[in-house]
């Protein structure tokens, strides 16, 4: 089954962008996933192809019109009725590796990219759209966020990564940050690779990596550490 991605955007020329090279690009060429950028403006009903209007109640900027968004989403659902629709918005729930893995195991996803001041709020309940955020930042539009979500999904598709274990021992997969990595040369500017990693003792190496994952998560991401600790209770 091919993972099918539909992107609803005002800038379809931004796709595939970086997804056309490296792992994602090769996977697309091999038919492991497909991409369909859809221009939101094609669903505007007036002669000027208007997609936005002034905010109700006043204020700066423009808001994407709910009727245009609804027509674009309806079109996407006709193409991929089983694919969830995700809107890229800083007001959404932070997306997690757990959610990414669930998406990658499904038939595909439709990503709705905002611009200007964002979406008419009625679209979320009116079309059952999931709001997701890629971080506590504000971007010029949802396209960069959509690229991030797709990249995270595509690398998990069967046969995309070289080693089957590559996606398992990574940050967030088990609720922790990944342990640090080293490679040759063994000594660089007075800094040595930890001796345990050169010992050949796989049990000790595994224990060291687990300890470092715990320590780094606790120090760098106390929020993750608290959730991980609570999950084990």
C-alpha atoms as a PDB file:
ATOM      1  CA  UNK A   1       0.000   0.000   0.000  1.00  0.00           C
ATOM      2  CA  UNK A   2       1.348   3.427  -0.958  1.00  0.00           C
ATOM      3  CA  UNK A   3       1.233   6.155   1.665  1.00  0.00           C
ATOM      4  CA  UNK A   4      -0.685   8.976  -0.023  1.00  0.00           C
ATOM      5  CA  UNK A   5      -0.158  12.572   1.084  1.00  0.00           C
ATOM      6  CA  UNK A   6      -2.422  15.433   0.024  1.00  0.00           C
ATOM      7  CA  UNK A   7      -1.367  18.979   0.871  1.00  0.00           C
ATOM      8  CA  UNK A   8      -3.892  21.808   0.709  1.00  0.00           C
ATOM      9  CA  UNK A   9      -1.901  25.009   0.239  1.00  0.00           C
ATOM     10  CA  UNK A  10      -1.758  28.411  -1.404  1.00  0.00           C
ATOM     11  CA  UNK A  11       1.786  27.574  -2.523  1.00  0.00           C
ATOM     12  CA  UNK A  12       1.780  24.137  -4.176  1.00  0.00           C
ATOM     13  CA  UNK A  13       5.129  24.967  -5.801  1.00  0.00           C
ATOM     14  CA  UNK A  14       6.745  24.495  -2.361  1.00  0.00           C
ATOM     15  CA  UNK A  15       6.221  20.726  -2.702  1.00  0.00           C
ATOM     16  CA  UNK A  16       7.896  18.291  -2.775  1.00  0.00           C
ATOM     17  CA  UNK A  17      10.751  20.671  -1.925  1.00  0.00           C
ATOM     18  CA  UNK A  18      13.210  18.843   0.377  1.00  0.00           C
ATOM     19  CA  UNK A  19      10.998  15.759   0.233  1.00  0.00           C
ATOM     20  CA  UNK A  20      12.129  15.260  -3.342  1.00  0.00           C
ATOM     21  CA  UNK A  21      15.685  14.354  -2.296  1.00  0.00           C
ATOM     22  CA  UNK A  22      17.474  11.895   0.013  1.00  0.00           C
ATOM     23  CA  UNK A  23      15.405   9.170   1.705  1.00  0.00           C
ATOM     24  CA  UNK A  24      12.021  10.725   0.968  1.00  0.00           C
ATOM     25  CA  UNK A  25      12.890  11.444  -2.656  1.00  0.00           C
ATOM     26  CA  UNK A  26      14.115   7.914  -3.296  1.00  0.00           C
ATOM     27  CA  UNK A  27      11.055   6.481  -1.570  1.00  0.00           C
ATOM     28  CA  UNK A  28       8.779   8.578  -3.777  1.00  0.00           C
ATOM     29  CA  UNK A  29      10.614   7.455  -6.915  1.00  0.00           C
ATOM     30  CA  UNK A  30      10.214   3.852  -5.771  1.00  0.00           C
ATOM     31  CA  UNK A  31       6.463   4.303  -5.261  1.00  0.00           C
ATOM     32  CA  UNK A  32       6.511   3.936  -1.480  1.00  0.00           C
ATOM     33  CA  UNK A  33       4.573   7.183  -1.075  1.00  0.00           C
ATOM     34  CA  UNK A  34       2.845   9.735  -3.260  1.00  0.00           C
ATOM     35  CA  UNK A  35       2.277  13.474  -2.995  1.00  0.00           C
ATOM     36  CA  UNK A  36      -0.581  15.585  -4.324  1.00  0.00           C
ATOM     37  CA  UNK A  37      -0.268  19.354  -3.684  1.00  0.00           C
ATOM     38  CA  UNK A  38      -3.693  20.968  -4.139  1.00  0.00           C
ATOM     39  CA  UNK A  39      -4.130  24.720  -4.617  1.00  0.00           C
ATOM     40  CA  UNK A  40      -6.694  26.104  -2.164  1.00  0.00           C
ATOM     41  CA  UNK A  41      -7.416  28.996  -4.504  1.00  0.00           C
ATOM     42  CA  UNK A  42      -8.928  26.567  -7.011  1.00  0.00           C
ATOM     43  CA  UNK A  43     -11.930  26.267  -4.691  1.00  0.00           C
ATOM     44  CA  UNK A  44     -12.779  29.961  -4.484  1.00  0.00           C
ATOM     45  CA  UNK A  45     -16.180  30.645  -6.040  1.00  0.00           C
ATOM     46  CA  UNK A  46     -15.835  34.275  -7.160  1.00  0.00           C
ATOM     47  CA  UNK A  47     -14.119  35.586 -10.292  1.00  0.00           C
ATOM     48  CA  UNK A  48     -11.211  36.988  -8.275  1.00  0.00           C
ATOM     49  CA  UNK A  49     -10.583  33.594  -6.637  1.00  0.00           C
ATOM     50  CA  UNK A  50     -10.733  35.167  -3.175  1.00  0.00           C
ATOM     51  CA  UNK A  51      -9.532  32.919  -0.357  1.00  0.00           C
ATOM     52  CA  UNK A  52      -9.429  35.342   2.587  1.00  0.00           C
ATOM     53  CA  UNK A  53     -11.342  38.170   4.224  1.00  0.00           C
ATOM     54  CA  UNK A  54     -11.013  40.611   7.124  1.00  0.00           C
ATOM     55  CA  UNK A  55     -11.381  39.265  10.690  1.00  0.00           C
ATOM     56  CA  UNK A  56     -14.821  39.448  12.244  1.00  0.00           C
ATOM     57  CA  UNK A  57     -14.672  41.973  15.067  1.00  0.00           C
ATOM     58  CA  UNK A  58     -11.778  43.835  13.461  1.00  0.00           C
ATOM     59  CA  UNK A  59      -8.054  43.479  13.747  1.00  0.00           C
ATOM     60  CA  UNK A  60      -4.956  43.158  11.621  1.00  0.00           C
ATOM     61  CA  UNK A  61      -4.421  40.683   8.815  1.00  0.00           C
ATOM     62  CA  UNK A  62      -6.737  38.420   6.881  1.00  0.00           C
ATOM     63  CA  UNK A  63      -8.433  35.100   7.662  1.00  0.00           C
ATOM     64  CA  UNK A  64      -8.862  32.127   5.335  1.00  0.00           C
ATOM     65  CA  UNK A  65     -12.523  31.740   4.395  1.00  0.00           C
ATOM     66  CA  UNK A  66     -14.404  28.759   5.790  1.00  0.00           C
ATOM     67  CA  UNK A  67     -16.388  28.037   2.617  1.00  0.00           C
ATOM     68  CA  UNK A  68     -13.239  27.858   0.492  1.00  0.00           C
ATOM     69  CA  UNK A  69     -11.469  25.680   3.043  1.00  0.00           C
ATOM     70  CA  UNK A  70     -14.470  23.359   3.279  1.00  0.00           C
ATOM     71  CA  UNK A  71     -14.587  22.882  -0.500  1.00  0.00           C
ATOM     72  CA  UNK A  72     -10.864  22.072  -0.572  1.00  0.00           C
ATOM     73  CA  UNK A  73     -11.191  19.565   2.274  1.00  0.00           C
ATOM     74  CA  UNK A  74     -14.219  17.929   0.673  1.00  0.00           C
ATOM     75  CA  UNK A  75     -12.184  17.488  -2.507  1.00  0.00           C
ATOM     76  CA  UNK A  76      -9.309  15.933  -0.555  1.00  0.00           C
ATOM     77  CA  UNK A  77     -11.664  13.542   1.218  1.00  0.00           C
ATOM     78  CA  UNK A  78     -13.064  12.408  -2.108  1.00  0.00           C
ATOM     79  CA  UNK A  79      -9.516  11.546  -3.152  1.00  0.00           C
ATOM     80  CA  UNK A  80      -8.573   9.876   0.140  1.00  0.00           C
ATOM     81  CA  UNK A  81     -11.649   9.214   2.291  1.00  0.00           C
ATOM     82  CA  UNK A  82      -9.735   7.297   4.969  1.00  0.00           C
ATOM     83  CA  UNK A  83      -6.937   9.811   5.440  1.00  0.00           C
ATOM     84  CA  UNK A  84      -7.144  12.069   8.511  1.00  0.00           C
ATOM     85  CA  UNK A  85      -7.099  15.821   7.885  1.00  0.00           C
ATOM     86  CA  UNK A  86      -4.555  17.765   9.945  1.00  0.00           C
ATOM     87  CA  UNK A  87      -4.370  21.562  10.051  1.00  0.00           C
ATOM     88  CA  UNK A  88      -0.968  23.095  10.737  1.00  0.00           C
ATOM     89  CA  UNK A  89      -1.516  25.737  13.422  1.00  0.00           C
ATOM     90  CA  UNK A  90       0.334  26.987  16.527  1.00  0.00           C
ATOM     91  CA  UNK A  91      -3.002  26.697  18.353  1.00  0.00           C
ATOM     92  CA  UNK A  92      -3.003  22.942  17.822  1.00  0.00           C
ATOM     93  CA  UNK A  93      -1.896  20.080  20.031  1.00  0.00           C
ATOM     94  CA  UNK A  94       1.879  19.489  19.818  1.00  0.00           C
ATOM     95  CA  UNK A  95       2.405  16.550  17.492  1.00  0.00           C
ATOM     96  CA  UNK A  96       4.269  13.610  18.977  1.00  0.00           C
ATOM     97  CA  UNK A  97       6.282  10.685  17.692  1.00  0.00           C
ATOM     98  CA  UNK A  98       3.427   8.428  18.792  1.00  0.00           C
ATOM     99  CA  UNK A  99       1.017  10.324  16.535  1.00  0.00           C
ATOM    100  CA  UNK A 100       3.549  10.347  13.680  1.00  0.00           C
ATOM    101  CA  UNK A 101       3.977   6.583  13.916  1.00  0.00           C
ATOM    102  CA  UNK A 102       0.195   6.099  13.874  1.00  0.00           C
ATOM    103  CA  UNK A 103      -0.070   8.255  10.749  1.00  0.00           C
ATOM    104  CA  UNK A 104       2.755   6.348   9.047  1.00  0.00           C
ATOM    105  CA  UNK A 105       0.941   3.081   9.676  1.00  0.00           C
ATOM    106  CA  UNK A 106      -2.199   4.369   7.954  1.00  0.00           C
ATOM    107  CA  UNK A 107      -3.133   4.992   4.314  1.00  0.00           C
ATOM    108  CA  UNK A 108      -1.859   8.552   4.283  1.00  0.00           C
ATOM    109  CA  UNK A 109      -2.730  12.049   5.479  1.00  0.00           C
ATOM    110  CA  UNK A 110      -4.201  15.317   4.256  1.00  0.00           C
ATOM    111  CA  UNK A 111      -2.396  18.410   5.544  1.00  0.00           C
ATOM    112  CA  UNK A 112      -4.082  21.815   5.548  1.00  0.00           C
ATOM    113  CA  UNK A 113      -1.621  24.725   5.417  1.00  0.00           C
ATOM    114  CA  UNK A 114      -2.676  28.104   6.711  1.00  0.00           C
ATOM    115  CA  UNK A 115      -1.505  31.605   5.808  1.00  0.00           C
ATOM    116  CA  UNK A 116      -2.226  35.147   6.995  1.00  0.00           C
ATOM    117  CA  UNK A 117      -3.946  35.173  10.419  1.00  0.00           C
ATOM    118  CA  UNK A 118      -5.019  31.553  10.068  1.00  0.00           C
ATOM    119  CA  UNK A 119      -8.275  29.679   9.594  1.00  0.00           C
ATOM    120  CA  UNK A 120     -11.895  30.557  10.192  1.00  0.00           C
ATOM    121  CA  UNK A 121     -12.449  28.642  13.442  1.00  0.00           C
ATOM    122  CA  UNK A 122     -15.651  27.011  12.181  1.00  0.00           C
ATOM    123  CA  UNK A 123     -13.729  24.737   9.808  1.00  0.00           C
ATOM    124  CA  UNK A 124     -12.400  22.539  12.631  1.00  0.00           C
ATOM    125  CA  UNK A 125     -15.783  21.384  13.907  1.00  0.00           C
ATOM    126  CA  UNK A 126     -17.507  21.711  10.545  1.00  0.00           C
ATOM    127  CA  UNK A 127     -15.127  19.311   8.805  1.00  0.00           C
ATOM    128  CA  UNK A 128     -13.644  17.324  11.716  1.00  0.00           C
ATOM    129  CA  UNK A 129     -10.138  18.709  11.255  1.00  0.00           C
ATOM    130  CA  UNK A 130      -7.376  17.849  13.732  1.00  0.00           C
ATOM    131  CA  UNK A 131      -5.286  20.849  14.806  1.00  0.00           C
ATOM    132  CA  UNK A 132      -1.586  20.125  15.286  1.00  0.00           C
ATOM    133  CA  UNK A 133       1.471  22.199  16.098  1.00  0.00           C
ATOM    134  CA  UNK A 134       5.149  21.443  15.418  1.00  0.00           C
ATOM    135  CA  UNK A 135       6.365  23.663  18.247  1.00  0.00           C
ATOM    136  CA  UNK A 136       5.894  26.874  20.193  1.00  0.00           C
ATOM    137  CA  UNK A 137       6.817  29.052  17.240  1.00  0.00           C
ATOM    138  CA  UNK A 138       4.921  31.014  14.591  1.00  0.00           C
ATOM    139  CA  UNK A 139       5.758  30.415  10.923  1.00  0.00           C
ATOM    140  CA  UNK A 140       4.777  32.429   7.852  1.00  0.00           C
ATOM    141  CA  UNK A 141       2.559  29.532   6.796  1.00  0.00           C
ATOM    142  CA  UNK A 142       1.840  25.883   7.392  1.00  0.00           C
ATOM    143  CA  UNK A 143       3.914  24.574   4.507  1.00  0.00           C
ATOM    144  CA  UNK A 144       7.170  24.208   6.447  1.00  0.00           C
ATOM    145  CA  UNK A 145       5.289  22.458   9.239  1.00  0.00           C
ATOM    146  CA  UNK A 146       3.645  20.135   6.708  1.00  0.00           C
ATOM    147  CA  UNK A 147       7.059  19.248   5.279  1.00  0.00           C
ATOM    148  CA  UNK A 148       8.231  18.351   8.787  1.00  0.00           C
ATOM    149  CA  UNK A 149       5.228  16.125   9.461  1.00  0.00           C
ATOM    150  CA  UNK A 150       5.558  14.352   6.123  1.00  0.00           C
ATOM    151  CA  UNK A 151       9.296  13.816   6.538  1.00  0.00           C
ATOM    152  CA  UNK A 152       8.707  12.296   9.971  1.00  0.00           C
ATOM    153  CA  UNK A 153       6.081   9.930   8.539  1.00  0.00           C
ATOM    154  CA  UNK A 154       7.910   8.934   5.356  1.00  0.00           C
ATOM    155  CA  UNK A 155      11.108   7.828   7.077  1.00  0.00           C
ATOM    156  CA  UNK A 156       9.038   5.303   9.074  1.00  0.00           C
ATOM    157  CA  UNK A 157       7.469   3.671   6.017  1.00  0.00           C
ATOM    158  CA  UNK A 158       8.603   0.091   5.340  1.00  0.00           C
ATOM    159  CA  UNK A 159      11.807  -0.052   3.342  1.00  0.00           C
ATOM    160  CA  UNK A 160      12.610   3.668   3.517  1.00  0.00           C
ATOM    161  CA  UNK A 161      15.361   3.522   6.132  1.00  0.00           C
ATOM    162  CA  UNK A 162      18.255   1.164   5.500  1.00  0.00           C
ATOM    163  CA  UNK A 163      18.238  -0.607   8.877  1.00  0.00           C
ATOM    164  CA  UNK A 164      14.984  -1.821  10.387  1.00  0.00           C
ATOM    165  CA  UNK A 165      16.188  -0.734  13.841  1.00  0.00           C
ATOM    166  CA  UNK A 166      17.043   2.814  12.744  1.00  0.00           C
ATOM    167  CA  UNK A 167      13.634   4.159  13.677  1.00  0.00           C
ATOM    168  CA  UNK A 168      13.377   2.330  16.985  1.00  0.00           C
ATOM    169  CA  UNK A 169      16.385   3.644  18.912  1.00  0.00           C
ATOM    170  CA  UNK A 170      15.726   7.358  18.479  1.00  0.00           C
ATOM    171  CA  UNK A 171      14.551  10.315  20.508  1.00  0.00           C
ATOM    172  CA  UNK A 172      10.903  10.130  21.604  1.00  0.00           C
ATOM    173  CA  UNK A 173      10.353   6.528  20.479  1.00  0.00           C
ATOM    174  CA  UNK A 174      10.391   5.300  24.089  1.00  0.00           C
ATOM    175  CA  UNK A 175       9.557   8.628  25.703  1.00  0.00           C
ATOM    176  CA  UNK A 176      13.209   9.642  26.138  1.00  0.00           C
ATOM    177  CA  UNK A 177      15.830  11.573  24.238  1.00  0.00           C
ATOM    178  CA  UNK A 178      18.301   9.408  22.357  1.00  0.00           C
ATOM    179  CA  UNK A 179      21.709   8.670  23.850  1.00  0.00           C
ATOM    180  CA  UNK A 180      24.719  10.558  22.353  1.00  0.00           C
ATOM    181  CA  UNK A 181      26.713   9.173  19.427  1.00  0.00           C
ATOM    182  CA  UNK A 182      30.434   9.150  18.606  1.00  0.00           C
ATOM    183  CA  UNK A 183      32.634   7.987  15.730  1.00  0.00           C
ATOM    184  CA  UNK A 184      36.273   8.135  14.598  1.00  0.00           C
ATOM    185  CA  UNK A 185      38.721   9.628  15.373  1.00  0.00           C
ATOM    186  CA  UNK A 186      38.835   8.229  18.921  1.00  0.00           C
ATOM    187  CA  UNK A 187      40.515  11.428  20.169  1.00  0.00           C
ATOM    188  CA  UNK A 188      39.655  14.910  18.925  1.00  0.00           C
ATOM    189  CA  UNK A 189      41.049  18.115  20.423  1.00  0.00           C
ATOM    190  CA  UNK A 190      41.674  16.315  23.697  1.00  0.00           C
ATOM    191  CA  UNK A 191      38.166  14.869  23.827  1.00  0.00           C
ATOM    192  CA  UNK A 192      37.950  11.080  23.794  1.00  0.00           C
ATOM    193  CA  UNK A 193      35.158   8.707  22.884  1.00  0.00           C
ATOM    194  CA  UNK A 194      33.873   7.210  26.163  1.00  0.00           C
ATOM    195  CA  UNK A 195      35.895   4.115  26.968  1.00  0.00           C
ATOM    196  CA  UNK A 196      32.834   1.910  27.403  1.00  0.00           C
ATOM    197  CA  UNK A 197      31.923   2.401  23.720  1.00  0.00           C
ATOM    198  CA  UNK A 198      35.287   0.932  22.736  1.00  0.00           C
ATOM    199  CA  UNK A 199      35.103  -1.974  25.185  1.00  0.00           C
ATOM    200  CA  UNK A 200      33.220  -4.413  22.947  1.00  0.00           C
ATOM    201  CA  UNK A 201      31.038  -5.320  25.944  1.00  0.00           C
ATOM    202  CA  UNK A 202      27.531  -5.005  24.504  1.00  0.00           C
ATOM    203  CA  UNK A 203      25.796  -5.309  27.859  1.00  0.00           C
ATOM    204  CA  UNK A 204      27.839  -2.464  29.323  1.00  0.00           C
ATOM    205  CA  UNK A 205      27.315  -0.370  26.202  1.00  0.00           C
ATOM    206  CA  UNK A 206      23.546  -0.891  26.401  1.00  0.00           C
ATOM    207  CA  UNK A 207      23.540   0.048  30.097  1.00  0.00           C
ATOM    208  CA  UNK A 208      25.605   3.179  29.410  1.00  0.00           C
ATOM    209  CA  UNK A 209      23.288   4.249  26.599  1.00  0.00           C
ATOM    210  CA  UNK A 210      20.213   3.739  28.781  1.00  0.00           C
ATOM    211  CA  UNK A 211      21.790   5.738  31.595  1.00  0.00           C
ATOM    212  CA  UNK A 212      22.732   8.604  29.281  1.00  0.00           C
ATOM    213  CA  UNK A 213      19.254   8.634  27.724  1.00  0.00           C
ATOM    214  CA  UNK A 214      17.758   8.926  31.209  1.00  0.00           C
ATOM    215  CA  UNK A 215      20.208  11.612  32.332  1.00  0.00           C
ATOM    216  CA  UNK A 216      19.991  13.722  29.193  1.00  0.00           C
ATOM    217  CA  UNK A 217      16.197  13.609  29.181  1.00  0.00           C
ATOM    218  CA  UNK A 218      15.999  14.554  32.860  1.00  0.00           C
ATOM    219  CA  UNK A 219      18.380  17.494  32.413  1.00  0.00           C
ATOM    220  CA  UNK A 220      17.406  18.753  28.943  1.00  0.00           C
ATOM    221  CA  UNK A 221      13.698  17.947  28.787  1.00  0.00           C
ATOM    222  CA  UNK A 222      12.261  17.702  32.304  1.00  0.00           C
ATOM    223  CA  UNK A 223       8.767  17.725  30.785  1.00  0.00           C
ATOM    224  CA  UNK A 224       9.521  14.500  28.881  1.00  0.00           C
ATOM    225  CA  UNK A 225      11.193  13.003  31.928  1.00  0.00           C
ATOM    226  CA  UNK A 226       8.134  13.639  34.100  1.00  0.00           C
ATOM    227  CA  UNK A 227       5.832  11.991  31.564  1.00  0.00           C
ATOM    228  CA  UNK A 228       8.204   9.056  31.166  1.00  0.00           C
ATOM    229  CA  UNK A 229       8.493   8.610  34.914  1.00  0.00           C
ATOM    230  CA  UNK A 230       4.730   8.833  35.430  1.00  0.00           C
ATOM    231  CA  UNK A 231       4.178   6.229  32.673  1.00  0.00           C
ATOM    232  CA  UNK A 232       6.363   3.741  34.539  1.00  0.00           C
ATOM    233  CA  UNK A 233       4.477   4.105  37.840  1.00  0.00           C
END
